[in-house]
Amino acid sequence: MSHYEFCKQHIGHPVKIVTRSGEVHRGVIKHVNRSRVFIDPLGSPRNLGGYGQGYYGYGGFGFGSGFGLGIALGAIASIAFLPFFFW
């Protein structure tokens, strides 16, 4: 199963994503397109969707899209589910 298919089937689930460069991201999958997965990082300020530049300055599909942090699917080394106690 490709990263795209996995992420598409698990929108709304908390995950840990490790990129090929070693960066670790924890968050809830909010949206997926053919090139990126967008997560709402755990511990981020809530209720910012649609205003400003998105979380941490990442705008997703453009400024104010509210999709959170966009991670390129090609940069993902691994994806794992997080248990709910991390939420």
PDB file of N, CA and C in Angstrom:
ATOM      1  N   MET A   1       0.851  -1.172   0.000  1.00  0.00           N
ATOM      2  CA  MET A   1       0.000   0.000   0.000  1.00  0.00           C
ATOM      3  C   MET A   1       0.902   1.243   0.000  1.00  0.00           C
ATOM      4  N   SER A   2       0.579   2.200  -0.825  1.00  0.00           N
ATOM      5  CA  SER A   2       1.377   3.425  -0.904  1.00  0.00           C
ATOM      6  C   SER A   2       1.074   4.343   0.285  1.00  0.00           C
ATOM      7  N   HIS A   3       1.972   5.294   0.519  1.00  0.00           N
ATOM      8  CA  HIS A   3       1.745   6.272   1.595  1.00  0.00           C
ATOM      9  C   HIS A   3       0.464   7.054   1.326  1.00  0.00           C
ATOM     10  N   TYR A   4       0.194   7.381   0.065  1.00  0.00           N
ATOM     11  CA  TYR A   4      -1.017   8.125  -0.290  1.00  0.00           C
ATOM     12  C   TYR A   4      -2.260   7.337   0.132  1.00  0.00           C
ATOM     13  N   GLU A   5      -2.330   6.067  -0.253  1.00  0.00           N
ATOM     14  CA  GLU A   5      -3.500   5.250   0.073  1.00  0.00           C
ATOM     15  C   GLU A   5      -3.655   5.082   1.585  1.00  0.00           C
ATOM     16  N   PHE A   6      -2.536   4.833   2.279  1.00  0.00           N
ATOM     17  CA  PHE A   6      -2.570   4.673   3.731  1.00  0.00           C
ATOM     18  C   PHE A   6      -3.125   5.923   4.397  1.00  0.00           C
ATOM     19  N   CYS A   7      -2.573   7.084   4.016  1.00  0.00           N
ATOM     20  CA  CYS A   7      -3.012   8.351   4.629  1.00  0.00           C
ATOM     21  C   CYS A   7      -4.463   8.652   4.295  1.00  0.00           C
ATOM     22  N   LYS A   8      -4.871   8.397   3.058  1.00  0.00           N
ATOM     23  CA  LYS A   8      -6.247   8.659   2.637  1.00  0.00           C
ATOM     24  C   LYS A   8      -7.236   7.839   3.468  1.00  0.00           C
ATOM     25  N   GLN A   9      -6.881   6.594   3.771  1.00  0.00           N
ATOM     26  CA  GLN A   9      -7.769   5.721   4.546  1.00  0.00           C
ATOM     27  C   GLN A   9      -7.783   6.061   6.028  1.00  0.00           C
ATOM     28  N   HIS A  10      -6.791   6.833   6.492  1.00  0.00           N
ATOM     29  CA  HIS A  10      -6.668   7.082   7.926  1.00  0.00           C
ATOM     30  C   HIS A  10      -6.768   8.562   8.294  1.00  0.00           C
ATOM     31  N   ILE A  11      -7.504   9.318   7.509  1.00  0.00           N
ATOM     32  CA  ILE A  11      -7.758  10.725   7.846  1.00  0.00           C
ATOM     33  C   ILE A  11      -8.474  10.766   9.196  1.00  0.00           C
ATOM     34  N   GLY A  12      -7.998  11.655  10.073  1.00  0.00           N
ATOM     35  CA  GLY A  12      -8.576  11.793  11.406  1.00  0.00           C
ATOM     36  C   GLY A  12      -7.859  10.985  12.475  1.00  0.00           C
ATOM     37  N   HIS A  13      -6.886  10.179  12.086  1.00  0.00           N
ATOM     38  CA  HIS A  13      -6.154   9.348  13.039  1.00  0.00           C
ATOM     39  C   HIS A  13      -4.839  10.016  13.437  1.00  0.00           C
ATOM     40  N   PRO A  14      -4.442   9.875  14.699  1.00  0.00           N
ATOM     41  CA  PRO A  14      -3.140  10.408  15.124  1.00  0.00           C
ATOM     42  C   PRO A  14      -2.012   9.503  14.624  1.00  0.00           C
ATOM     43  N   VAL A  15      -0.968  10.117  14.045  1.00  0.00           N
ATOM     44  CA  VAL A  15       0.149   9.360  13.481  1.00  0.00           C
ATOM     45  C   VAL A  15       1.488   9.991  13.849  1.00  0.00           C
ATOM     46  N   LYS A  16       2.520   9.202  13.702  1.00  0.00           N
ATOM     47  CA  LYS A  16       3.898   9.672  13.804  1.00  0.00           C
ATOM     48  C   LYS A  16       4.505   9.454  12.427  1.00  0.00           C
ATOM     49  N   ILE A  17       5.029  10.522  11.827  1.00  0.00           N
ATOM     50  CA  ILE A  17       5.647  10.446  10.508  1.00  0.00           C
ATOM     51  C   ILE A  17       7.127  10.763  10.652  1.00  0.00           C
ATOM     52  N   VAL A  18       7.960   9.885  10.126  1.00  0.00           N
ATOM     53  CA  VAL A  18       9.398  10.111  10.101  1.00  0.00           C
ATOM     54  C   VAL A  18       9.802  10.311   8.644  1.00  0.00           C
ATOM     55  N   THR A  19      10.477  11.424   8.353  1.00  0.00           N
ATOM     56  CA  THR A  19      10.907  11.699   6.985  1.00  0.00           C
ATOM     57  C   THR A  19      12.265  11.058   6.724  1.00  0.00           C
ATOM     58  N   ARG A  20      12.650  11.007   5.469  1.00  0.00           N
ATOM     59  CA  ARG A  20      13.941  10.438   5.073  1.00  0.00           C
ATOM     60  C   ARG A  20      15.109  11.223   5.658  1.00  0.00           C
ATOM     61  N   SER A  21      14.886  12.488   5.975  1.00  0.00           N
ATOM     62  CA  SER A  21      15.946  13.314   6.563  1.00  0.00           C
ATOM     63  C   SER A  21      16.002  13.176   8.086  1.00  0.00           C
ATOM     64  N   GLY A  22      15.096  12.367   8.662  1.00  0.00           N
ATOM     65  CA  GLY A  22      15.116  12.115  10.094  1.00  0.00           C
ATOM     66  C   GLY A  22      14.192  12.988  10.927  1.00  0.00           C
ATOM     67  N   GLU A  23      13.466  13.902  10.298  1.00  0.00           N
ATOM     68  CA  GLU A  23      12.517  14.735  11.040  1.00  0.00           C
ATOM     69  C   GLU A  23      11.345  13.875  11.508  1.00  0.00           C
ATOM     70  N   VAL A  24      10.872  14.142  12.724  1.00  0.00           N
ATOM     71  CA  VAL A  24       9.743  13.396  13.293  1.00  0.00           C
ATOM     72  C   VAL A  24       8.585  14.371  13.493  1.00  0.00           C
ATOM     73  N   HIS A  25       7.425  13.994  12.980  1.00  0.00           N
ATOM     74  CA  HIS A  25       6.216  14.816  13.108  1.00  0.00           C
ATOM     75  C   HIS A  25       5.126  13.955  13.714  1.00  0.00           C
ATOM     76  N   ARG A  26       4.437  14.488  14.728  1.00  0.00           N
ATOM     77  CA  ARG A  26       3.297  13.808  15.341  1.00  0.00           C
ATOM     78  C   ARG A  26       2.077  14.692  15.165  1.00  0.00           C
ATOM     79  N   GLY A  27       0.987  14.103  14.698  1.00  0.00           N
ATOM     80  CA  GLY A  27      -0.222  14.884  14.509  1.00  0.00           C
ATOM     81  C   GLY A  27      -1.352  14.031  13.974  1.00  0.00           C
ATOM     82  N   VAL A  28      -2.461  14.694  13.708  1.00  0.00           N
ATOM     83  CA  VAL A  28      -3.664  14.050  13.193  1.00  0.00           C
ATOM     84  C   VAL A  28      -3.765  14.363  11.705  1.00  0.00           C
ATOM     85  N   ILE A  29      -3.944  13.324  10.887  1.00  0.00           N
ATOM     86  CA  ILE A  29      -4.074  13.522   9.436  1.00  0.00           C
ATOM     87  C   ILE A  29      -5.352  14.298   9.156  1.00  0.00           C
ATOM     88  N   LYS A  30      -5.206  15.424   8.479  1.00  0.00           N
ATOM     89  CA  LYS A  30      -6.359  16.273   8.152  1.00  0.00           C
ATOM     90  C   LYS A  30      -6.758  16.197   6.691  1.00  0.00           C
ATOM     91  N   HIS A  31      -5.768  16.046   5.799  1.00  0.00           N
ATOM     92  CA  HIS A  31      -6.050  16.065   4.358  1.00  0.00           C
ATOM     93  C   HIS A  31      -4.895  15.394   3.635  1.00  0.00           C
ATOM     94  N   VAL A  32      -5.188  14.811   2.493  1.00  0.00           N
ATOM     95  CA  VAL A  32      -4.161  14.168   1.674  1.00  0.00           C
ATOM     96  C   VAL A  32      -4.425  14.508   0.215  1.00  0.00           C
ATOM     97  N   ASN A  33      -3.367  14.861  -0.516  1.00  0.00           N
ATOM     98  CA  ASN A  33      -3.474  14.943  -1.968  1.00  0.00           C
ATOM     99  C   ASN A  33      -2.363  14.088  -2.553  1.00  0.00           C
ATOM    100  N   ARG A  34      -2.194  14.070  -3.848  1.00  0.00           N
ATOM    101  CA  ARG A  34      -1.229  13.166  -4.484  1.00  0.00           C
ATOM    102  C   ARG A  34       0.224  13.501  -4.147  1.00  0.00           C
ATOM    103  N   SER A  35       0.497  14.688  -3.616  1.00  0.00           N
ATOM    104  CA  SER A  35       1.886  15.050  -3.332  1.00  0.00           C
ATOM    105  C   SER A  35       2.181  15.278  -1.853  1.00  0.00           C
ATOM    106  N   ARG A  36       1.169  15.551  -1.033  1.00  0.00           N
ATOM    107  CA  ARG A  36       1.405  15.882   0.374  1.00  0.00           C
ATOM    108  C   ARG A  36       0.334  15.296   1.287  1.00  0.00           C
ATOM    109  N   VAL A  37       0.754  15.076   2.535  1.00  0.00           N
ATOM    110  CA  VAL A  37      -0.182  14.757   3.604  1.00  0.00           C
ATOM    111  C   VAL A  37      -0.144  15.957   4.554  1.00  0.00           C
ATOM    112  N   PHE A  38      -1.302  16.400   4.976  1.00  0.00           N
ATOM    113  CA  PHE A  38      -1.405  17.553   5.866  1.00  0.00           C
ATOM    114  C   PHE A  38      -1.847  17.067   7.239  1.00  0.00           C
ATOM    115  N   ILE A  39      -1.047  17.418   8.256  1.00  0.00           N
ATOM    116  CA  ILE A  39      -1.386  17.014   9.616  1.00  0.00           C
ATOM    117  C   ILE A  39      -1.580  18.237  10.491  1.00  0.00           C
ATOM    118  N   ASP A  40      -2.423  18.051  11.493  1.00  0.00           N
ATOM    119  CA  ASP A  40      -2.614  19.045  12.543  1.00  0.00           C
ATOM    120  C   ASP A  40      -1.646  18.617  13.644  1.00  0.00           C
ATOM    121  N   PRO A  41      -0.500  19.299  13.778  1.00  0.00           N
ATOM    122  CA  PRO A  41       0.502  18.849  14.754  1.00  0.00           C
ATOM    123  C   PRO A  41      -0.058  18.782  16.170  1.00  0.00           C
ATOM    124  N   LEU A  42       0.289  17.717  16.880  1.00  0.00           N
ATOM    125  CA  LEU A  42      -0.144  17.586  18.267  1.00  0.00           C
ATOM    126  C   LEU A  42       0.506  18.686  19.088  1.00  0.00           C
ATOM    127  N   GLY A  43      -0.273  19.298  19.949  1.00  0.00           N
ATOM    128  CA  GLY A  43       0.235  20.386  20.768  1.00  0.00           C
ATOM    129  C   GLY A  43       0.169  21.733  20.092  1.00  0.00           C
ATOM    130  N   SER A  44      -0.395  21.795  18.881  1.00  0.00           N
ATOM    131  CA  SER A  44      -0.494  23.073  18.176  1.00  0.00           C
ATOM    132  C   SER A  44      -1.722  23.835  18.656  1.00  0.00           C
ATOM    133  N   PRO A  45      -1.737  25.150  18.455  1.00  0.00           N
ATOM    134  CA  PRO A  45      -2.937  25.915  18.808  1.00  0.00           C
ATOM    135  C   PRO A  45      -4.114  25.485  17.935  1.00  0.00           C
ATOM    136  N   ARG A  46      -5.255  25.352  18.515  1.00  0.00           N
ATOM    137  CA  ARG A  46      -6.446  24.889  17.778  1.00  0.00           C
ATOM    138  C   ARG A  46      -7.259  26.089  17.285  1.00  0.00           C
ATOM    139  N   ASN A  47      -8.244  25.767  16.455  1.00  0.00           N
ATOM    140  CA  ASN A  47      -9.224  26.734  15.968  1.00  0.00           C
ATOM    141  C   ASN A  47      -8.609  27.872  15.173  1.00  0.00           C
ATOM    142  N   LEU A  48      -7.521  27.606  14.441  1.00  0.00           N
ATOM    143  CA  LEU A  48      -6.942  28.642  13.594  1.00  0.00           C
ATOM    144  C   LEU A  48      -7.311  28.456  12.129  1.00  0.00           C
ATOM    145  N   GLY A  49      -7.990  27.382  11.807  1.00  0.00           N
ATOM    146  CA  GLY A  49      -8.296  27.083  10.412  1.00  0.00           C
ATOM    147  C   GLY A  49      -9.045  28.218   9.740  1.00  0.00           C
ATOM    148  N   GLY A  50      -8.580  28.581   8.550  1.00  0.00           N
ATOM    149  CA  GLY A  50      -9.247  29.615   7.779  1.00  0.00           C
ATOM    150  C   GLY A  50      -8.769  31.011   8.071  1.00  0.00           C
ATOM    151  N   TYR A  51      -7.840  31.186   9.011  1.00  0.00           N
ATOM    152  CA  TYR A  51      -7.377  32.517   9.372  1.00  0.00           C
ATOM    153  C   TYR A  51      -5.850  32.557   9.346  1.00  0.00           C
ATOM    154  N   GLY A  52      -5.303  33.648   8.951  1.00  0.00           N
ATOM    155  CA  GLY A  52      -3.849  33.809   8.960  1.00  0.00           C
ATOM    156  C   GLY A  52      -3.168  32.907   7.959  1.00  0.00           C
ATOM    157  N   GLN A  53      -1.970  32.408   8.331  1.00  0.00           N
ATOM    158  CA  GLN A  53      -1.184  31.601   7.407  1.00  0.00           C
ATOM    159  C   GLN A  53      -1.194  30.129   7.781  1.00  0.00           C
ATOM    160  N   GLY A  54      -2.083  29.689   8.621  1.00  0.00           N
ATOM    161  CA  GLY A  54      -2.103  28.295   9.032  1.00  0.00           C
ATOM    162  C   GLY A  54      -1.154  28.078  10.195  1.00  0.00           C
ATOM    163  N   TYR A  55      -1.011  26.851  10.629  1.00  0.00           N
ATOM    164  CA  TYR A  55      -0.182  26.525  11.780  1.00  0.00           C
ATOM    165  C   TYR A  55       1.290  26.718  11.455  1.00  0.00           C
ATOM    166  N   TYR A  56       1.995  27.357  12.353  1.00  0.00           N
ATOM    167  CA  TYR A  56       3.440  27.548  12.237  1.00  0.00           C
ATOM    168  C   TYR A  56       3.851  28.179  10.903  1.00  0.00           C
ATOM    169  N   GLY A  57       2.941  28.935  10.280  1.00  0.00           N
ATOM    170  CA  GLY A  57       3.263  29.584   9.031  1.00  0.00           C
ATOM    171  C   GLY A  57       3.073  28.704   7.810  1.00  0.00           C
ATOM    172  N   TYR A  58       2.630  27.468   7.995  1.00  0.00           N
ATOM    173  CA  TYR A  58       2.375  26.597   6.854  1.00  0.00           C
ATOM    174  C   TYR A  58       0.941  26.801   6.423  1.00  0.00           C
ATOM    175  N   GLY A  59       0.727  27.119   5.165  1.00  0.00           N
ATOM    176  CA  GLY A  59      -0.607  27.414   4.705  1.00  0.00           C
ATOM    177  C   GLY A  59      -1.293  26.272   4.001  1.00  0.00           C
ATOM    178  N   GLY A  60      -0.656  25.123   3.849  1.00  0.00           N
ATOM    179  CA  GLY A  60      -1.310  24.030   3.151  1.00  0.00           C
ATOM    180  C   GLY A  60      -1.477  24.350   1.688  1.00  0.00           C
ATOM    181  N   PHE A  61      -2.705  24.633   1.258  1.00  0.00           N
ATOM    182  CA  PHE A  61      -2.966  24.945  -0.138  1.00  0.00           C
ATOM    183  C   PHE A  61      -2.849  26.428  -0.431  1.00  0.00           C
ATOM    184  N   GLY A  62      -2.370  27.173   0.479  1.00  0.00           N
ATOM    185  CA  GLY A  62      -2.276  28.617   0.324  1.00  0.00           C
ATOM    186  C   GLY A  62      -2.545  29.244   1.666  1.00  0.00           C
ATOM    187  N   PHE A  63      -2.406  30.500   1.749  1.00  0.00           N
ATOM    188  CA  PHE A  63      -2.561  31.158   3.036  1.00  0.00           C
ATOM    189  C   PHE A  63      -3.964  30.961   3.585  1.00  0.00           C
ATOM    190  N   GLY A  64      -4.009  30.570   4.858  1.00  0.00           N
ATOM    191  CA  GLY A  64      -5.284  30.465   5.542  1.00  0.00           C
ATOM    192  C   GLY A  64      -6.073  29.218   5.253  1.00  0.00           C
ATOM    193  N   SER A  65      -5.476  28.196   4.648  1.00  0.00           N
ATOM    194  CA  SER A  65      -6.254  27.014   4.305  1.00  0.00           C
ATOM    195  C   SER A  65      -6.621  26.199   5.537  1.00  0.00           C
ATOM    196  N   GLY A  66      -5.819  26.289   6.617  1.00  0.00           N
ATOM    197  CA  GLY A  66      -6.140  25.592   7.838  1.00  0.00           C
ATOM    198  C   GLY A  66      -5.846  24.102   7.827  1.00  0.00           C
ATOM    199  N   PHE A  67      -5.129  23.581   6.831  1.00  0.00           N
ATOM    200  CA  PHE A  67      -4.818  22.160   6.779  1.00  0.00           C
ATOM    201  C   PHE A  67      -3.619  21.798   7.632  1.00  0.00           C
ATOM    202  N   GLY A  68      -2.929  22.768   8.175  1.00  0.00           N
ATOM    203  CA  GLY A  68      -1.804  22.475   9.054  1.00  0.00           C
ATOM    204  C   GLY A  68      -0.508  22.266   8.307  1.00  0.00           C
ATOM    205  N   LEU A  69       0.328  21.398   8.832  1.00  0.00           N
ATOM    206  CA  LEU A  69       1.658  21.150   8.311  1.00  0.00           C
ATOM    207  C   LEU A  69       1.596  20.193   7.132  1.00  0.00           C
ATOM    208  N   GLY A  70       2.149  20.593   5.990  1.00  0.00           N
ATOM    209  CA  GLY A  70       2.178  19.740   4.803  1.00  0.00           C
ATOM    210  C   GLY A  70       3.508  19.015   4.702  1.00  0.00           C
ATOM    211  N   ILE A  71       3.467  17.702   4.535  1.00  0.00           N
ATOM    212  CA  ILE A  71       4.667  16.883   4.411  1.00  0.00           C
ATOM    213  C   ILE A  71       4.603  16.169   3.064  1.00  0.00           C
ATOM    214  N   ALA A  72       5.669  16.277   2.281  1.00  0.00           N
ATOM    215  CA  ALA A  72       5.713  15.629   0.972  1.00  0.00           C
ATOM    216  C   ALA A  72       5.668  14.112   1.136  1.00  0.00           C
ATOM    217  N   LEU A  73       4.792  13.451   0.377  1.00  0.00           N
ATOM    218  CA  LEU A  73       4.664  12.002   0.473  1.00  0.00           C
ATOM    219  C   LEU A  73       5.970  11.305   0.100  1.00  0.00           C
ATOM    220  N   GLY A  74       6.722  11.859  -0.854  1.00  0.00           N
ATOM    221  CA  GLY A  74       7.985  11.262  -1.272  1.00  0.00           C
ATOM    222  C   GLY A  74       9.069  11.360  -0.222  1.00  0.00           C
ATOM    223  N   ALA A  75       8.909  12.248   0.753  1.00  0.00           N
ATOM    224  CA  ALA A  75       9.915  12.424   1.801  1.00  0.00           C
ATOM    225  C   ALA A  75       9.668  11.519   3.001  1.00  0.00           C
ATOM    226  N   ILE A  76       8.546  10.807   3.013  1.00  0.00           N
ATOM    227  CA  ILE A  76       8.187   9.992   4.172  1.00  0.00           C
ATOM    228  C   ILE A  76       8.944   8.668   4.151  1.00  0.00           C
ATOM    229  N   ALA A  77       9.626   8.386   5.251  1.00  0.00           N
ATOM    230  CA  ALA A  77      10.314   7.103   5.418  1.00  0.00           C
ATOM    231  C   ALA A  77       9.394   6.105   6.102  1.00  0.00           C
ATOM    232  N   SER A  78       8.633   6.563   7.115  1.00  0.00           N
ATOM    233  CA  SER A  78       7.711   5.656   7.809  1.00  0.00           C
ATOM    234  C   SER A  78       6.549   6.425   8.414  1.00  0.00           C
ATOM    235  N   ILE A  79       5.439   5.706   8.562  1.00  0.00           N
ATOM    236  CA  ILE A  79       4.240   6.244   9.206  1.00  0.00           C
ATOM    237  C   ILE A  79       3.778   5.199  10.212  1.00  0.00           C
ATOM    238  N   ALA A  80       3.451   5.648  11.421  1.00  0.00           N
ATOM    239  CA  ALA A  80       2.948   4.729  12.445  1.00  0.00           C
ATOM    240  C   ALA A  80       1.787   5.385  13.178  1.00  0.00           C
ATOM    241  N   PHE A  81       0.814   4.570  13.572  1.00  0.00           N
ATOM    242  CA  PHE A  81      -0.283   5.073  14.383  1.00  0.00           C
ATOM    243  C   PHE A  81       0.225   5.414  15.769  1.00  0.00           C
ATOM    244  N   LEU A  82      -0.344   6.448  16.367  1.00  0.00           N
ATOM    245  CA  LEU A  82      -0.038   6.796  17.754  1.00  0.00           C
ATOM    246  C   LEU A  82      -1.167   6.303  18.642  1.00  0.00           C
ATOM    247  N   PRO A  83      -0.852   5.766  19.804  1.00  0.00           N
ATOM    248  CA  PRO A  83      -1.915   5.407  20.742  1.00  0.00           C
ATOM    249  C   PRO A  83      -2.630   6.670  21.214  1.00  0.00           C
ATOM    250  N   PHE A  84      -3.854   6.540  21.651  1.00  0.00           N
ATOM    251  CA  PHE A  84      -4.652   7.708  22.013  1.00  0.00           C
ATOM    252  C   PHE A  84      -4.114   8.463  23.218  1.00  0.00           C
ATOM    253  N   PHE A  85      -3.270   7.853  24.066  1.00  0.00           N
ATOM    254  CA  PHE A  85      -2.754   8.606  25.206  1.00  0.00           C
ATOM    255  C   PHE A  85      -1.786   9.700  24.785  1.00  0.00           C
ATOM    256  N   PHE A  86      -1.300   9.704  23.532  1.00  0.00           N
ATOM    257  CA  PHE A  86      -0.460  10.794  23.020  1.00  0.00           C
ATOM    258  C   PHE A  86      -1.297  11.996  22.618  1.00  0.00           C
ATOM    259  N   TRP A  87      -2.587  11.814  22.435  1.00  0.00           N
ATOM    260  CA  TRP A  87      -3.472  12.846  21.908  1.00  0.00           C
ATOM    261  C   TRP A  87      -3.511  13.960  22.844  1.00  0.00           C
TER     262      TRP A  87
END
